[in-house]
Amino acid sequence: MDLHTVEHRSSFRVEDVLLIALKKIEDISCTKAKIYSGFYSGIGLSVLEEDMPDESINPRLWKKLISMDAKLNLILEKLIQNSDGFNQAQNRQLSLSEEDIRILAPDVFAAGDFIEIKMLLPVNTPVWIILYGRVSQAINVTPKQNEIWIQFSEMADDVKQVMGYYLLNRQREIVRKLRRQSKTSSP
């Protein structure tokens, strides 16, 4: 990959509305961006009806056990997400690139504040990512709306890949939509 490609790719910026939670943090020792893995027991994902352990277990009972396992995993996932602060996330209008984010939010932050950003990216399978960054600019737009610019800190490679994938696909989607609109509006 040459330098020109990297510069071009990093310049992608999209305007969107995403599920996001912001929190000011004081301890910046463990602030490398990461993908939120959540809770996965692994049992519900790998055990299928065809994978019955032996013939001594009633097939109807096995179906019930699989169903119960899936429901318990879902409950555990929600509990862990709530305890990790994901239940605080709200849809926010934002402008996103691989280097920074501009968010319209009621939250009040000052330049220099260090922020934890939890964001749900709608890729093939929606994925939560946890980013960290420093507020570079904060503008009070209205009494209940602030424009916050956050410069991202260090990111893990898998986060960069997911973010790049989302930005590229969203750009393509926007371009397709604009082309369709221009075709329908021109005589």
Protein backbone atom coordinates (compact mmCIF):
# COMPACT_ATOMS: atom_id res chain seq x y z
CA MET A 1 0.00 0.00 0.00
CA ASP A 2 1.57 3.28 -1.05
CA LEU A 3 1.43 6.53 0.93
CA HIS A 4 -0.99 8.16 -1.52
CA THR A 5 -3.55 5.37 -0.93
CA VAL A 6 -3.26 5.77 2.83
CA GLU A 7 -3.75 9.55 2.58
CA HIS A 8 -6.79 9.13 0.33
CA ARG A 9 -8.38 6.46 2.50
CA SER A 10 -7.89 8.46 5.69
CA SER A 11 -9.68 11.43 4.16
CA PHE A 12 -13.04 9.62 4.04
CA ARG A 13 -15.60 11.43 6.15
CA VAL A 14 -19.26 10.56 6.41
CA GLU A 15 -22.22 12.32 7.95
CA ASP A 16 -24.52 9.89 9.72
CA VAL A 17 -26.69 9.19 12.75
CA LEU A 18 -25.31 6.40 14.94
CA LEU A 19 -25.93 4.94 18.37
CA ILE A 20 -23.24 6.48 20.57
CA ALA A 21 -22.37 7.04 24.24
CA LEU A 22 -19.84 9.61 25.48
CA LYS A 23 -18.15 9.68 28.86
CA LYS A 24 -15.38 11.88 30.24
CA ILE A 25 -12.61 9.78 31.78
CA GLU A 26 -9.75 10.70 34.07
CA ASP A 27 -7.59 7.54 33.91
CA ILE A 28 -6.01 7.47 30.46
CA SER A 29 -3.67 4.53 31.11
CA CYS A 30 -5.71 1.91 29.17
CA THR A 31 -7.09 3.91 26.29
CA LYS A 32 -6.38 1.96 23.13
CA ALA A 33 -9.50 1.68 20.97
CA LYS A 34 -10.97 -1.80 20.74
CA ILE A 35 -13.90 -3.82 19.49
CA TYR A 36 -16.33 -4.70 22.26
CA SER A 37 -16.52 -8.45 22.50
CA GLY A 38 -19.27 -8.68 25.11
CA PHE A 39 -20.33 -12.05 26.46
CA TYR A 40 -20.31 -15.18 24.34
CA SER A 41 -20.49 -18.54 26.04
CA GLY A 42 -19.74 -20.25 22.77
CA ILE A 43 -22.23 -23.00 23.57
CA GLY A 44 -25.29 -21.56 21.85
CA LEU A 45 -23.34 -20.72 18.73
CA SER A 46 -21.80 -24.13 18.16
CA VAL A 47 -24.50 -26.50 19.39
CA LEU A 48 -27.18 -27.31 16.86
CA GLU A 49 -30.07 -29.70 16.92
CA GLU A 50 -28.11 -32.07 14.70
CA ASP A 51 -25.24 -32.11 17.24
CA MET A 52 -27.12 -34.06 19.91
CA PRO A 53 -24.64 -35.67 22.31
CA ASP A 54 -26.21 -39.13 22.10
CA GLU A 55 -29.51 -40.92 21.60
CA SER A 56 -30.28 -41.09 25.33
CA ILE A 57 -31.44 -37.44 25.34
CA ASN A 58 -34.96 -36.80 24.13
CA PRO A 59 -34.87 -34.59 20.95
CA ARG A 60 -37.66 -32.35 22.29
CA LEU A 61 -35.71 -31.84 25.51
CA TRP A 62 -32.60 -31.04 23.47
CA LYS A 63 -34.51 -28.36 21.49
CA LYS A 64 -35.73 -26.83 24.76
CA LEU A 65 -32.21 -26.82 26.20
CA ILE A 66 -30.83 -25.09 23.10
CA SER A 67 -33.63 -22.51 23.25
CA MET A 68 -32.99 -21.88 26.97
CA ASP A 69 -29.26 -21.53 26.35
CA ALA A 70 -29.83 -18.97 23.60
CA LYS A 71 -32.21 -16.94 25.80
CA LEU A 72 -29.85 -17.04 28.77
CA ASN A 73 -26.97 -15.91 26.55
CA LEU A 74 -29.08 -13.01 25.31
CA ILE A 75 -29.97 -12.01 28.88
CA LEU A 76 -26.31 -12.20 29.95
CA GLU A 77 -25.25 -10.15 26.93
CA LYS A 78 -27.79 -7.42 27.80
CA LEU A 79 -26.77 -7.40 31.47
CA ILE A 80 -23.10 -7.05 30.57
CA GLN A 81 -23.85 -4.32 28.02
CA ASN A 82 -25.87 -2.43 30.64
CA SER A 83 -23.12 -2.74 33.24
CA ASP A 84 -20.55 -1.55 30.67
CA GLY A 85 -22.60 1.58 29.91
CA PHE A 86 -23.94 0.65 26.49
CA ASN A 87 -27.51 1.26 27.68
CA GLN A 88 -26.66 4.98 27.86
CA ALA A 89 -26.09 5.15 24.08
CA GLN A 90 -28.39 7.37 22.03
CA ASN A 91 -28.70 8.16 18.35
CA ARG A 92 -26.54 11.18 17.60
CA GLN A 93 -25.85 13.14 14.46
CA LEU A 94 -22.14 12.95 13.68
CA SER A 95 -19.41 13.41 11.13
CA LEU A 96 -16.89 10.57 11.26
CA SER A 97 -13.45 9.89 9.81
CA GLU A 98 -10.66 7.53 10.83
CA GLU A 99 -8.90 10.34 12.70
CA ASP A 100 -11.71 12.22 14.41
CA ILE A 101 -15.40 12.66 15.05
CA ARG A 102 -17.71 15.66 15.27
CA ILE A 103 -20.81 15.03 17.37
CA LEU A 104 -23.91 17.06 18.10
CA ALA A 105 -24.89 16.20 21.66
CA PRO A 106 -26.31 17.72 24.85
CA ASP A 107 -23.15 16.66 26.71
CA VAL A 108 -20.87 19.51 27.83
CA PHE A 109 -17.13 18.98 27.41
CA ALA A 110 -14.17 21.35 27.30
CA ALA A 111 -11.18 21.35 24.97
CA GLY A 112 -8.57 18.97 26.39
CA ASP A 113 -11.08 16.60 28.06
CA PHE A 114 -10.33 12.92 27.47
CA ILE A 115 -13.43 11.05 26.26
CA GLU A 116 -14.50 7.41 25.96
CA ILE A 117 -16.74 6.89 22.92
CA LYS A 118 -18.88 3.78 22.58
CA MET A 119 -20.30 3.52 19.08
CA LEU A 120 -22.39 0.95 17.23
CA LEU A 121 -21.18 0.63 13.64
CA PRO A 122 -23.78 -0.87 11.27
CA VAL A 123 -21.48 -3.17 9.29
CA ASN A 124 -22.54 -6.67 8.11
CA THR A 125 -23.05 -7.69 11.72
CA PRO A 126 -23.41 -4.51 13.81
CA VAL A 127 -20.44 -4.16 16.13
CA TRP A 128 -19.74 -1.97 19.15
CA ILE A 129 -16.39 -0.23 19.16
CA ILE A 130 -14.87 1.65 22.05
CA LEU A 131 -12.75 4.64 21.05
CA TYR A 132 -10.83 7.18 23.07
CA GLY A 133 -9.86 10.70 22.20
CA ARG A 134 -9.23 14.23 23.30
CA VAL A 135 -11.72 17.05 22.75
CA SER A 136 -10.09 19.46 20.33
CA GLN A 137 -13.03 21.85 20.11
CA ALA A 138 -16.36 22.31 21.86
CA ILE A 139 -18.93 24.84 20.67
CA ASN A 140 -22.25 25.62 22.35
CA VAL A 141 -24.69 25.69 19.39
CA THR A 142 -27.90 26.03 21.42
CA PRO A 143 -28.62 25.77 25.16
CA LYS A 144 -29.27 22.03 24.71
CA GLN A 145 -26.95 21.21 21.79
CA ASN A 146 -23.15 21.24 21.64
CA GLU A 147 -20.83 20.50 18.75
CA ILE A 148 -17.90 18.44 20.00
CA TRP A 149 -14.80 17.64 17.95
CA ILE A 150 -12.80 14.69 19.27
CA GLN A 151 -9.40 13.64 17.91
CA PHE A 152 -9.00 9.85 18.30
CA SER A 153 -6.06 8.39 20.21
CA GLU A 154 -4.36 5.09 19.40
CA MET A 155 -6.47 2.39 17.71
CA ALA A 156 -5.98 -1.36 17.43
CA ASP A 157 -5.64 -2.66 13.86
CA ASP A 158 -8.97 -4.52 13.99
CA VAL A 159 -10.74 -1.27 14.95
CA LYS A 160 -9.06 0.56 12.06
CA GLN A 161 -10.22 -2.18 9.69
CA VAL A 162 -13.84 -2.11 10.91
CA MET A 163 -13.91 1.70 10.85
CA GLY A 164 -12.38 1.81 7.36
CA TYR A 165 -14.83 -0.81 6.11
CA TYR A 166 -17.79 1.14 7.51
CA LEU A 167 -16.58 4.49 6.13
CA LEU A 168 -15.88 3.09 2.66
CA ASN A 169 -19.23 1.30 2.42
CA ARG A 170 -21.14 4.32 3.72
CA GLN A 171 -19.36 6.57 1.17
CA ARG A 172 -20.34 4.17 -1.61
CA GLU A 173 -23.94 4.14 -0.39
CA ILE A 174 -24.06 7.94 -0.39
CA VAL A 175 -22.56 8.15 -3.90
CA ARG A 176 -25.08 5.59 -5.23
CA LYS A 177 -27.96 7.52 -3.68
CA LEU A 178 -26.73 10.81 -5.19
CA ARG A 179 -26.37 9.20 -8.63
CA ARG A 180 -29.92 7.83 -8.46
CA GLN A 181 -31.26 11.22 -7.43
CA SER A 182 -29.42 12.99 -10.26
CA LYS A 183 -30.74 10.47 -12.82
CA THR A 184 -34.34 10.88 -11.67
CA SER A 185 -34.17 14.69 -11.53
CA SER A 186 -32.55 15.18 -14.97
CA PRO A 187 -34.91 15.09 -18.00
